[in-house]
Amino acid sequence: MKYLLIILLNIVLQINSTTVMAQSKYQNGYVVTIQNDTIFGQLRDRSPEPFGKIFRKVRMKGFWIFGKKYGPKDLNSYKIGDDIYESIWYDSYTELFSIFHISSSGEGEKVFMRLEIDGKLKLYWDEYRDPDSGYTEEIPFFKKEYSSEMVRVTQGIFGFKKKHLANLFSDCPELIKRMNDGFFQTPEEMAEYYNLKCN
């Protein structure tokens, strides 16, 4: 009997410590369902670096072990810590050696992308795990408010994709001039300029 009590106590302590360790990776946030209900709670969308992974579904902590998982088809958006993620339709296709990206309802699949800048021009970051390093990598995309076109902003170490961006910003010649003059250092600066200065 004494041994059984010690074993049970040991099991309870191990479960408790495992629960505390798992809960420490959760952050304050909320989810916005497709019915536009906002649910606040503790969220987790990835495992820690290095060699972690980004979950396909965001996890909301429940009572003890009873949590809930939400995929891109379940949510309009979610916020975890300081970051906001939107659920958007995403597809890409190749034409004449160029890759084109679109976000149009019903085309491709629904995915979560981090929304960095909101406005007439949105800046999204597509996050993924690099299989070689195990760390999170990001690709920036611009999307205008009433367009299905998504334009990749940079090409790795080669900087801005100026030709594609010049087409996107044909309605704002001053932005194109500043881009070609090296005025912008980051996608955020370019998006903020467009939202403030361009029609």
N, C-alpha and C. Protein backbone atom coordinates (compact mmCIF):
# COMPACT_ATOMS: atom_id res chain seq x y z
N MET A 1 0.83 -1.20 0.00
CA MET A 1 0.00 0.00 0.00
C MET A 1 0.86 1.25 0.00
N LYS A 2 1.90 1.21 0.82
CA LYS A 2 2.81 2.36 0.92
C LYS A 2 3.49 2.62 -0.42
N TYR A 3 3.91 1.52 -1.09
CA TYR A 3 4.57 1.66 -2.39
C TYR A 3 3.60 2.18 -3.44
N LEU A 4 2.38 1.71 -3.40
CA LEU A 4 1.35 2.18 -4.34
C LEU A 4 1.11 3.67 -4.18
N LEU A 5 1.07 4.14 -2.94
CA LEU A 5 0.88 5.57 -2.67
C LEU A 5 2.05 6.40 -3.20
N ILE A 6 3.26 5.88 -3.01
CA ILE A 6 4.46 6.58 -3.49
C ILE A 6 4.45 6.63 -5.03
N ILE A 7 4.09 5.54 -5.66
CA ILE A 7 4.04 5.50 -7.13
C ILE A 7 2.99 6.47 -7.65
N LEU A 8 1.79 6.49 -7.05
CA LEU A 8 0.74 7.42 -7.47
C LEU A 8 1.17 8.88 -7.30
N LEU A 9 1.80 9.16 -6.17
CA LEU A 9 2.29 10.52 -5.91
C LEU A 9 3.33 10.92 -6.95
N ASN A 10 4.21 10.00 -7.29
CA ASN A 10 5.25 10.25 -8.29
C ASN A 10 4.62 10.53 -9.66
N ILE A 11 3.60 9.75 -10.04
CA ILE A 11 2.92 9.95 -11.32
C ILE A 11 2.25 11.32 -11.37
N VAL A 12 1.56 11.68 -10.30
CA VAL A 12 0.89 12.99 -10.23
C VAL A 12 1.91 14.12 -10.37
N LEU A 13 3.04 14.02 -9.70
CA LEU A 13 4.08 15.06 -9.79
C LEU A 13 4.66 15.15 -11.19
N GLN A 14 4.86 14.02 -11.85
CA GLN A 14 5.39 14.03 -13.22
C GLN A 14 4.40 14.66 -14.19
N ILE A 15 3.12 14.32 -14.06
CA ILE A 15 2.09 14.91 -14.93
C ILE A 15 2.02 16.41 -14.69
N ASN A 16 2.09 16.80 -13.44
CA ASN A 16 2.03 18.23 -13.09
C ASN A 16 3.21 18.98 -13.68
N SER A 17 4.42 18.43 -13.57
CA SER A 17 5.60 19.13 -14.10
C SER A 17 5.58 19.17 -15.61
N THR A 18 5.08 18.09 -16.26
CA THR A 18 4.95 18.08 -17.71
C THR A 18 3.95 19.13 -18.17
N THR A 19 2.84 19.24 -17.46
CA THR A 19 1.81 20.23 -17.79
C THR A 19 2.36 21.64 -17.65
N VAL A 20 3.12 21.90 -16.59
CA VAL A 20 3.71 23.23 -16.39
C VAL A 20 4.71 23.55 -17.49
N MET A 21 5.54 22.55 -17.87
CA MET A 21 6.50 22.78 -18.95
C MET A 21 5.78 23.08 -20.26
N ALA A 22 4.72 22.33 -20.56
CA ALA A 22 3.98 22.53 -21.81
C ALA A 22 3.28 23.87 -21.80
N GLN A 23 2.72 24.26 -20.67
CA GLN A 23 1.98 25.51 -20.59
C GLN A 23 2.89 26.72 -20.71
N SER A 24 4.15 26.58 -20.33
CA SER A 24 5.05 27.72 -20.38
C SER A 24 5.32 28.18 -21.81
N LYS A 25 5.03 27.33 -22.81
CA LYS A 25 5.24 27.69 -24.20
C LYS A 25 4.03 28.42 -24.79
N TYR A 26 2.96 28.52 -24.04
CA TYR A 26 1.75 29.22 -24.48
C TYR A 26 1.89 30.71 -24.20
N GLN A 27 1.21 31.52 -25.03
CA GLN A 27 1.23 32.97 -24.85
C GLN A 27 -0.20 33.50 -24.87
N ASN A 28 -0.40 34.67 -24.27
CA ASN A 28 -1.71 35.30 -24.30
C ASN A 28 -2.08 35.66 -25.73
N GLY A 29 -3.37 35.55 -26.04
CA GLY A 29 -3.82 35.90 -27.37
C GLY A 29 -5.30 35.68 -27.52
N TYR A 30 -5.74 35.63 -28.77
CA TYR A 30 -7.14 35.36 -29.05
C TYR A 30 -7.27 34.79 -30.46
N VAL A 31 -8.41 34.15 -30.70
CA VAL A 31 -8.75 33.70 -32.04
C VAL A 31 -10.05 34.39 -32.45
N VAL A 32 -10.19 34.64 -33.76
CA VAL A 32 -11.44 35.17 -34.32
C VAL A 32 -11.98 34.09 -35.25
N THR A 33 -13.10 33.51 -34.88
CA THR A 33 -13.67 32.40 -35.64
C THR A 33 -14.29 32.91 -36.94
N ILE A 34 -14.66 31.98 -37.82
CA ILE A 34 -15.29 32.39 -39.08
C ILE A 34 -16.68 32.97 -38.85
N GLN A 35 -17.21 32.77 -37.65
CA GLN A 35 -18.48 33.41 -37.28
C GLN A 35 -18.25 34.78 -36.64
N ASN A 36 -16.98 35.23 -36.64
CA ASN A 36 -16.55 36.51 -36.06
C ASN A 36 -16.68 36.56 -34.54
N ASP A 37 -16.65 35.41 -33.88
CA ASP A 37 -16.58 35.37 -32.42
C ASP A 37 -15.12 35.46 -32.01
N THR A 38 -14.83 36.28 -31.01
CA THR A 38 -13.47 36.42 -30.49
C THR A 38 -13.36 35.65 -29.19
N ILE A 39 -12.39 34.74 -29.13
CA ILE A 39 -12.18 33.90 -27.94
C ILE A 39 -10.77 34.17 -27.43
N PHE A 40 -10.67 34.66 -26.21
CA PHE A 40 -9.37 34.96 -25.60
C PHE A 40 -8.85 33.73 -24.85
N GLY A 41 -7.53 33.59 -24.82
CA GLY A 41 -6.95 32.47 -24.09
C GLY A 41 -5.45 32.40 -24.27
N GLN A 42 -4.91 31.27 -23.91
CA GLN A 42 -3.48 30.99 -24.05
C GLN A 42 -3.29 30.17 -25.32
N LEU A 43 -2.43 30.67 -26.23
CA LEU A 43 -2.24 30.04 -27.54
C LEU A 43 -0.80 29.58 -27.75
N ARG A 44 -0.68 28.62 -28.65
CA ARG A 44 0.64 28.12 -29.06
C ARG A 44 0.54 27.70 -30.51
N ASP A 45 1.50 28.16 -31.34
CA ASP A 45 1.44 27.80 -32.76
C ASP A 45 2.73 27.20 -33.29
N ARG A 46 3.69 26.92 -32.40
CA ARG A 46 4.97 26.34 -32.84
C ARG A 46 5.70 25.73 -31.66
N SER A 47 6.64 24.86 -31.97
CA SER A 47 7.51 24.31 -30.94
C SER A 47 8.81 25.12 -30.95
N PRO A 48 9.58 25.07 -29.87
CA PRO A 48 10.73 25.98 -29.74
C PRO A 48 11.89 25.66 -30.69
N GLU A 49 12.70 26.70 -30.94
CA GLU A 49 13.92 26.56 -31.73
C GLU A 49 14.97 25.80 -30.90
N PRO A 50 15.98 25.20 -31.50
CA PRO A 50 16.05 24.88 -32.92
C PRO A 50 15.32 23.56 -33.20
N PHE A 51 15.15 23.27 -34.43
CA PHE A 51 14.55 22.03 -34.90
C PHE A 51 13.11 21.84 -34.42
N GLY A 52 12.44 22.95 -34.17
CA GLY A 52 11.03 22.88 -33.83
C GLY A 52 10.22 22.82 -35.10
N LYS A 53 8.93 23.11 -34.97
CA LYS A 53 8.10 23.17 -36.16
C LYS A 53 6.96 24.15 -35.94
N ILE A 54 6.42 24.65 -37.06
CA ILE A 54 5.25 25.52 -37.03
C ILE A 54 4.04 24.61 -37.20
N PHE A 55 3.12 24.69 -36.27
CA PHE A 55 1.94 23.83 -36.32
C PHE A 55 1.00 24.27 -37.43
N ARG A 56 0.33 23.32 -38.05
CA ARG A 56 -0.68 23.64 -39.07
C ARG A 56 -1.94 24.20 -38.41
N LYS A 57 -2.14 23.86 -37.14
CA LYS A 57 -3.28 24.36 -36.38
C LYS A 57 -2.78 25.04 -35.12
N VAL A 58 -3.37 26.19 -34.79
CA VAL A 58 -3.02 26.88 -33.56
C VAL A 58 -3.73 26.19 -32.40
N ARG A 59 -3.03 26.05 -31.29
CA ARG A 59 -3.58 25.33 -30.14
C ARG A 59 -3.98 26.31 -29.04
N MET A 60 -5.16 26.12 -28.49
CA MET A 60 -5.62 26.93 -27.38
C MET A 60 -5.70 26.05 -26.15
N LYS A 61 -5.05 26.52 -25.08
CA LYS A 61 -5.02 25.75 -23.85
C LYS A 61 -6.41 25.72 -23.24
N GLY A 62 -6.80 24.53 -22.80
CA GLY A 62 -8.07 24.35 -22.11
C GLY A 62 -7.82 23.97 -20.67
N PHE A 63 -8.85 23.50 -20.03
CA PHE A 63 -8.73 23.06 -18.64
C PHE A 63 -7.92 21.78 -18.58
N TRP A 64 -6.80 21.82 -17.88
CA TRP A 64 -5.87 20.72 -17.69
C TRP A 64 -5.37 20.22 -19.03
N ILE A 65 -5.88 19.09 -19.55
CA ILE A 65 -5.35 18.57 -20.82
C ILE A 65 -6.34 18.77 -21.97
N PHE A 66 -7.50 19.39 -21.70
CA PHE A 66 -8.53 19.49 -22.73
C PHE A 66 -8.42 20.83 -23.46
N GLY A 67 -7.57 20.88 -24.47
CA GLY A 67 -7.40 22.07 -25.28
C GLY A 67 -8.19 21.96 -26.58
N LYS A 68 -8.00 22.96 -27.44
CA LYS A 68 -8.69 22.97 -28.73
C LYS A 68 -7.70 23.39 -29.80
N LYS A 69 -7.86 22.86 -31.01
CA LYS A 69 -7.00 23.21 -32.14
C LYS A 69 -7.85 23.88 -33.22
N TYR A 70 -7.30 24.94 -33.81
CA TYR A 70 -7.99 25.67 -34.87
C TYR A 70 -7.11 25.73 -36.11
N GLY A 71 -7.66 25.30 -37.24
CA GLY A 71 -6.94 25.39 -38.50
C GLY A 71 -7.36 26.63 -39.27
N PRO A 72 -6.72 26.91 -40.41
CA PRO A 72 -7.05 28.09 -41.21
C PRO A 72 -8.51 28.14 -41.66
N LYS A 73 -9.16 26.98 -41.82
CA LYS A 73 -10.57 26.98 -42.24
C LYS A 73 -11.51 27.29 -41.07
N ASP A 74 -11.00 27.24 -39.84
CA ASP A 74 -11.82 27.50 -38.66
C ASP A 74 -11.80 28.97 -38.24
N LEU A 75 -10.79 29.72 -38.68
CA LEU A 75 -10.56 31.07 -38.17
C LEU A 75 -10.46 32.11 -39.28
N ASN A 76 -10.80 33.34 -38.94
CA ASN A 76 -10.46 34.49 -39.78
C ASN A 76 -9.05 34.96 -39.45
N SER A 77 -8.71 34.92 -38.16
CA SER A 77 -7.39 35.38 -37.73
C SER A 77 -7.14 34.91 -36.30
N TYR A 78 -5.91 35.08 -35.86
CA TYR A 78 -5.59 34.90 -34.45
C TYR A 78 -4.42 35.80 -34.09
N LYS A 79 -4.34 36.14 -32.82
CA LYS A 79 -3.23 36.94 -32.31
C LYS A 79 -2.56 36.16 -31.20
N ILE A 80 -1.24 36.07 -31.29
CA ILE A 80 -0.46 35.39 -30.26
C ILE A 80 0.71 36.29 -29.90
N GLY A 81 0.80 36.67 -28.63
CA GLY A 81 1.80 37.66 -28.24
C GLY A 81 1.51 38.96 -28.97
N ASP A 82 2.49 39.48 -29.71
CA ASP A 82 2.32 40.72 -30.47
C ASP A 82 2.01 40.49 -31.94
N ASP A 83 1.95 39.23 -32.36
CA ASP A 83 1.80 38.91 -33.78
C ASP A 83 0.37 38.54 -34.14
N ILE A 84 -0.08 39.06 -35.29
CA ILE A 84 -1.41 38.74 -35.82
C ILE A 84 -1.24 37.88 -37.07
N TYR A 85 -2.01 36.81 -37.14
CA TYR A 85 -1.99 35.92 -38.30
C TYR A 85 -3.39 35.91 -38.92
N GLU A 86 -3.46 36.04 -40.22
CA GLU A 86 -4.74 35.96 -40.93
C GLU A 86 -4.82 34.65 -41.68
N SER A 87 -6.02 34.12 -41.77
CA SER A 87 -6.28 32.95 -42.59
C SER A 87 -6.66 33.45 -43.98
N ILE A 88 -5.84 33.10 -44.98
CA ILE A 88 -6.10 33.58 -46.34
C ILE A 88 -6.00 32.42 -47.32
N TRP A 89 -6.71 32.56 -48.43
CA TRP A 89 -6.55 31.61 -49.53
C TRP A 89 -5.23 31.92 -50.22
N TYR A 90 -4.48 30.87 -50.56
CA TYR A 90 -3.18 31.08 -51.20
C TYR A 90 -2.96 30.02 -52.27
N ASP A 91 -2.49 30.47 -53.43
CA ASP A 91 -2.11 29.55 -54.50
C ASP A 91 -0.99 30.19 -55.30
N SER A 92 -0.23 29.37 -55.99
CA SER A 92 0.83 29.88 -56.87
C SER A 92 0.85 29.02 -58.14
N TYR A 93 1.30 29.64 -59.23
CA TYR A 93 1.41 28.92 -60.48
C TYR A 93 2.57 29.50 -61.28
N THR A 94 3.07 28.70 -62.21
CA THR A 94 4.22 29.11 -63.02
C THR A 94 3.75 29.38 -64.44
N GLU A 95 4.26 30.49 -64.98
CA GLU A 95 3.93 30.86 -66.36
C GLU A 95 5.14 31.55 -66.97
N LEU A 96 5.63 31.01 -68.08
CA LEU A 96 6.80 31.57 -68.76
C LEU A 96 7.98 31.81 -67.81
N PHE A 97 8.31 30.79 -67.04
CA PHE A 97 9.46 30.79 -66.12
C PHE A 97 9.30 31.77 -64.96
N SER A 98 8.13 32.30 -64.72
CA SER A 98 7.88 33.18 -63.58
C SER A 98 6.84 32.53 -62.68
N ILE A 99 6.96 32.75 -61.37
CA ILE A 99 6.00 32.23 -60.41
C ILE A 99 5.07 33.35 -59.99
N PHE A 100 3.79 33.10 -60.07
CA PHE A 100 2.78 34.08 -59.68
C PHE A 100 2.03 33.56 -58.45
N HIS A 101 1.67 34.49 -57.57
CA HIS A 101 1.01 34.15 -56.31
C HIS A 101 -0.33 34.88 -56.27
N ILE A 102 -1.37 34.17 -55.81
CA ILE A 102 -2.69 34.80 -55.72
C ILE A 102 -3.36 34.43 -54.40
N SER A 103 -4.28 35.29 -53.99
CA SER A 103 -5.14 35.02 -52.84
C SER A 103 -6.56 35.31 -53.28
N SER A 104 -7.25 34.26 -53.71
CA SER A 104 -8.61 34.40 -54.23
C SER A 104 -9.47 33.29 -53.62
N SER A 105 -10.64 33.65 -53.14
CA SER A 105 -11.51 32.72 -52.43
C SER A 105 -11.73 31.43 -53.23
N GLY A 106 -11.45 30.31 -52.56
CA GLY A 106 -11.67 29.00 -53.17
C GLY A 106 -10.53 28.48 -54.02
N GLU A 107 -9.48 29.27 -54.23
CA GLU A 107 -8.35 28.83 -55.05
C GLU A 107 -7.15 28.47 -54.17
N GLY A 108 -6.60 27.29 -54.40
CA GLY A 108 -5.46 26.84 -53.60
C GLY A 108 -5.94 26.29 -52.27
N GLU A 109 -5.26 26.70 -51.21
CA GLU A 109 -5.64 26.26 -49.87
C GLU A 109 -5.61 27.43 -48.90
N LYS A 110 -6.31 27.26 -47.79
CA LYS A 110 -6.29 28.29 -46.75
C LYS A 110 -5.06 28.07 -45.88
N VAL A 111 -4.33 29.15 -45.61
CA VAL A 111 -3.12 29.09 -44.80
C VAL A 111 -3.11 30.28 -43.84
N PHE A 112 -2.30 30.17 -42.80
CA PHE A 112 -2.06 31.30 -41.91
C PHE A 112 -0.82 32.04 -42.39
N MET A 113 -0.93 33.37 -42.52
CA MET A 113 0.23 34.22 -42.78
C MET A 113 0.23 35.36 -41.78
N ARG A 114 1.42 35.74 -41.36
CA ARG A 114 1.54 36.83 -40.38
C ARG A 114 1.29 38.16 -41.06
N LEU A 115 0.34 38.92 -40.52
CA LEU A 115 0.02 40.25 -41.05
C LEU A 115 0.86 41.28 -40.33
N GLU A 116 1.80 41.88 -41.06
CA GLU A 116 2.70 42.87 -40.45
C GLU A 116 2.17 44.28 -40.61
N ILE A 117 1.65 44.62 -41.80
CA ILE A 117 1.11 45.95 -42.07
C ILE A 117 -0.29 45.76 -42.68
N ASP A 118 -1.27 46.49 -42.12
CA ASP A 118 -2.63 46.43 -42.64
C ASP A 118 -2.96 47.77 -43.26
N GLY A 119 -3.81 47.77 -44.28
CA GLY A 119 -4.22 49.01 -44.93
C GLY A 119 -4.56 48.75 -46.38
N LYS A 120 -4.48 49.82 -47.20
CA LYS A 120 -4.71 49.67 -48.65
C LYS A 120 -3.75 48.64 -49.23
N LEU A 121 -2.54 48.63 -48.69
CA LEU A 121 -1.54 47.64 -49.06
C LEU A 121 -1.22 46.84 -47.81
N LYS A 122 -1.39 45.52 -47.91
CA LYS A 122 -1.07 44.65 -46.77
C LYS A 122 0.30 44.02 -46.99
N LEU A 123 1.03 43.87 -45.90
CA LEU A 123 2.29 43.14 -45.93
C LEU A 123 2.12 41.87 -45.11
N TYR A 124 2.26 40.74 -45.79
CA TYR A 124 2.20 39.44 -45.13
C TYR A 124 3.60 38.83 -45.12
N TRP A 125 3.86 38.04 -44.08
CA TRP A 125 5.07 37.23 -44.02
C TRP A 125 4.64 35.77 -43.98
N ASP A 126 5.09 35.01 -44.97
CA ASP A 126 4.84 33.57 -45.00
C ASP A 126 5.98 32.89 -44.25
N GLU A 127 5.66 32.29 -43.12
CA GLU A 127 6.69 31.67 -42.28
C GLU A 127 6.76 30.17 -42.57
N TYR A 128 7.99 29.65 -42.60
CA TYR A 128 8.18 28.21 -42.78
C TYR A 128 9.49 27.81 -42.11
N ARG A 129 9.63 26.53 -41.86
CA ARG A 129 10.86 26.02 -41.25
C ARG A 129 11.83 25.60 -42.34
N ASP A 130 13.05 26.13 -42.25
CA ASP A 130 14.10 25.71 -43.17
C ASP A 130 14.56 24.31 -42.75
N PRO A 131 14.45 23.31 -43.63
CA PRO A 131 14.80 21.94 -43.23
C PRO A 131 16.28 21.77 -42.88
N ASP A 132 17.15 22.61 -43.44
CA ASP A 132 18.59 22.47 -43.17
C ASP A 132 18.98 23.05 -41.81
N SER A 133 18.54 24.28 -41.54
CA SER A 133 18.93 24.92 -40.29
C SER A 133 17.98 24.61 -39.14
N GLY A 134 16.72 24.29 -39.48
CA GLY A 134 15.72 24.04 -38.44
C GLY A 134 15.10 25.31 -37.89
N TYR A 135 15.52 26.46 -38.41
CA TYR A 135 15.00 27.74 -37.92
C TYR A 135 13.91 28.28 -38.85
N THR A 136 13.14 29.22 -38.31
CA THR A 136 12.06 29.83 -39.08
C THR A 136 12.61 30.80 -40.12
N GLU A 137 12.14 30.67 -41.35
CA GLU A 137 12.45 31.60 -42.42
C GLU A 137 11.15 32.29 -42.82
N GLU A 138 11.25 33.45 -43.47
CA GLU A 138 10.06 34.22 -43.84
C GLU A 138 10.19 34.76 -45.26
N ILE A 139 9.07 34.78 -45.96
CA ILE A 139 9.01 35.40 -47.30
C ILE A 139 7.95 36.49 -47.25
N PRO A 140 8.32 37.74 -47.62
CA PRO A 140 7.33 38.83 -47.58
C PRO A 140 6.52 38.92 -48.87
N PHE A 141 5.22 39.19 -48.71
CA PHE A 141 4.31 39.39 -49.84
C PHE A 141 3.52 40.68 -49.64
N PHE A 142 3.32 41.42 -50.72
CA PHE A 142 2.40 42.57 -50.73
C PHE A 142 1.09 42.14 -51.38
N LYS A 143 -0.02 42.67 -50.85
CA LYS A 143 -1.32 42.44 -51.46
C LYS A 143 -2.15 43.71 -51.32
N LYS A 144 -2.62 44.22 -52.45
CA LYS A 144 -3.49 45.39 -52.41
C LYS A 144 -4.89 44.98 -51.96
N GLU A 145 -5.59 45.94 -51.38
CA GLU A 145 -6.87 45.69 -50.72
C GLU A 145 -7.90 44.98 -51.61
N TYR A 146 -8.08 45.42 -52.84
CA TYR A 146 -9.13 44.86 -53.70
C TYR A 146 -8.57 44.03 -54.84
N SER A 147 -7.42 43.44 -54.63
CA SER A 147 -6.77 42.63 -55.66
C SER A 147 -6.53 41.22 -55.13
N SER A 148 -6.54 40.24 -56.02
CA SER A 148 -6.22 38.87 -55.62
C SER A 148 -4.72 38.58 -55.79
N GLU A 149 -4.02 39.49 -56.45
CA GLU A 149 -2.59 39.29 -56.72
C GLU A 149 -1.77 39.49 -55.46
N MET A 150 -0.84 38.57 -55.22
CA MET A 150 0.15 38.72 -54.15
C MET A 150 1.52 38.79 -54.83
N VAL A 151 2.31 39.77 -54.45
CA VAL A 151 3.61 39.96 -55.08
C VAL A 151 4.71 39.69 -54.05
N ARG A 152 5.60 38.78 -54.40
CA ARG A 152 6.74 38.53 -53.53
C ARG A 152 7.64 39.76 -53.54
N VAL A 153 8.00 40.24 -52.36
CA VAL A 153 8.69 41.52 -52.24
C VAL A 153 10.19 41.39 -52.50
N THR A 154 10.81 40.35 -51.97
CA THR A 154 12.26 40.19 -52.08
C THR A 154 12.60 38.86 -52.72
N GLN A 155 13.83 38.77 -53.18
CA GLN A 155 14.34 37.53 -53.76
C GLN A 155 15.62 37.16 -53.01
N GLY A 156 15.46 36.63 -51.81
CA GLY A 156 16.62 36.21 -51.02
C GLY A 156 17.60 37.34 -50.79
N ILE A 157 18.88 37.05 -51.04
CA ILE A 157 19.93 38.04 -50.80
C ILE A 157 20.00 39.11 -51.89
N PHE A 158 19.20 38.96 -52.95
CA PHE A 158 19.26 39.90 -54.07
C PHE A 158 18.39 41.13 -53.85
N GLY A 159 17.73 41.22 -52.72
CA GLY A 159 16.96 42.43 -52.39
C GLY A 159 15.58 42.46 -53.02
N PHE A 160 15.06 43.66 -53.21
CA PHE A 160 13.71 43.85 -53.72
C PHE A 160 13.57 43.34 -55.16
N LYS A 161 12.41 42.78 -55.46
CA LYS A 161 12.09 42.37 -56.83
C LYS A 161 11.51 43.61 -57.54
N LYS A 162 12.40 44.48 -57.97
CA LYS A 162 12.00 45.81 -58.43
C LYS A 162 11.08 45.79 -59.65
N LYS A 163 11.28 44.87 -60.56
CA LYS A 163 10.44 44.83 -61.76
C LYS A 163 8.99 44.51 -61.39
N HIS A 164 8.80 43.50 -60.54
CA HIS A 164 7.45 43.12 -60.11
C HIS A 164 6.82 44.22 -59.26
N LEU A 165 7.63 44.83 -58.40
CA LEU A 165 7.10 45.89 -57.54
C LEU A 165 6.75 47.14 -58.34
N ALA A 166 7.51 47.42 -59.40
CA ALA A 166 7.19 48.58 -60.25
C ALA A 166 5.83 48.38 -60.92
N ASN A 167 5.53 47.15 -61.32
CA ASN A 167 4.20 46.86 -61.90
C ASN A 167 3.11 47.03 -60.84
N LEU A 168 3.37 46.53 -59.64
CA LEU A 168 2.38 46.63 -58.56
C LEU A 168 2.09 48.08 -58.20
N PHE A 169 3.15 48.89 -58.19
CA PHE A 169 3.02 50.28 -57.75
C PHE A 169 2.95 51.26 -58.92
N SER A 170 2.42 50.83 -60.05
CA SER A 170 2.31 51.72 -61.21
C SER A 170 1.42 52.93 -60.90
N ASP A 171 0.59 52.83 -59.86
CA ASP A 171 -0.28 53.94 -59.46
C ASP A 171 0.43 54.93 -58.54
N CYS A 172 1.71 54.69 -58.26
CA CYS A 172 2.45 55.57 -57.35
C CYS A 172 3.89 55.75 -57.85
N PRO A 173 4.07 56.60 -58.88
CA PRO A 173 5.41 56.78 -59.47
C PRO A 173 6.47 57.25 -58.47
N GLU A 174 6.07 58.04 -57.48
CA GLU A 174 7.04 58.54 -56.50
C GLU A 174 7.63 57.39 -55.69
N LEU A 175 6.80 56.39 -55.36
CA LEU A 175 7.31 55.23 -54.62
C LEU A 175 8.32 54.47 -55.48
N ILE A 176 8.00 54.30 -56.77
CA ILE A 176 8.92 53.58 -57.66
C ILE A 176 10.26 54.31 -57.74
N LYS A 177 10.20 55.64 -57.85
CA LYS A 177 11.44 56.43 -57.92
C LYS A 177 12.26 56.25 -56.65
N ARG A 178 11.59 56.33 -55.50
CA ARG A 178 12.31 56.17 -54.23
C ARG A 178 12.88 54.76 -54.09
N MET A 179 12.13 53.76 -54.55
CA MET A 179 12.62 52.38 -54.50
C MET A 179 13.89 52.24 -55.35
N ASN A 180 13.85 52.79 -56.56
CA ASN A 180 15.03 52.69 -57.44
C ASN A 180 16.21 53.49 -56.92
N ASP A 181 15.93 54.54 -56.13
CA ASP A 181 17.00 55.35 -55.53
C ASP A 181 17.54 54.76 -54.23
N GLY A 182 16.98 53.61 -53.80
CA GLY A 182 17.47 52.96 -52.58
C GLY A 182 16.94 53.56 -51.30
N PHE A 183 15.81 54.26 -51.38
CA PHE A 183 15.24 54.93 -50.21
C PHE A 183 14.72 53.93 -49.17
N PHE A 184 14.17 52.79 -49.63
CA PHE A 184 13.57 51.81 -48.73
C PHE A 184 14.56 50.71 -48.38
N GLN A 185 14.63 50.42 -47.09
CA GLN A 185 15.51 49.34 -46.64
C GLN A 185 14.72 48.07 -46.31
N THR A 186 13.45 48.21 -45.98
CA THR A 186 12.65 47.06 -45.56
C THR A 186 11.28 47.08 -46.26
N PRO A 187 10.63 45.93 -46.36
CA PRO A 187 9.27 45.89 -46.89
C PRO A 187 8.30 46.74 -46.06
N GLU A 188 8.51 46.79 -44.75
CA GLU A 188 7.65 47.58 -43.87
C GLU A 188 7.67 49.05 -44.25
N GLU A 189 8.87 49.59 -44.54
CA GLU A 189 8.99 51.00 -44.92
C GLU A 189 8.22 51.28 -46.22
N MET A 190 8.31 50.35 -47.16
CA MET A 190 7.64 50.53 -48.44
C MET A 190 6.12 50.49 -48.27
N ALA A 191 5.63 49.54 -47.48
CA ALA A 191 4.19 49.41 -47.25
C ALA A 191 3.64 50.64 -46.53
N GLU A 192 4.36 51.12 -45.53
CA GLU A 192 3.91 52.30 -44.78
C GLU A 192 3.88 53.53 -45.68
N TYR A 193 4.89 53.67 -46.57
CA TYR A 193 4.92 54.80 -47.49
C TYR A 193 3.71 54.75 -48.42
N TYR A 194 3.44 53.58 -48.99
CA TYR A 194 2.30 53.45 -49.90
C TYR A 194 0.98 53.80 -49.19
N ASN A 195 0.79 53.27 -47.99
CA ASN A 195 -0.46 53.50 -47.28
C ASN A 195 -0.64 54.96 -46.86
N LEU A 196 0.45 55.66 -46.65
CA LEU A 196 0.36 57.07 -46.22
C LEU A 196 0.37 58.05 -47.38
N LYS A 197 1.14 57.76 -48.42
CA LYS A 197 1.41 58.77 -49.46
C LYS A 197 0.73 58.50 -50.80
N CYS A 198 0.34 57.25 -51.06
CA CYS A 198 -0.18 56.93 -52.39
C CYS A 198 -1.70 56.82 -52.35
N ASN A 199 -2.34 57.16 -53.48
CA ASN A 199 -3.80 57.12 -53.55
C ASN A 199 -4.30 55.69 -53.68
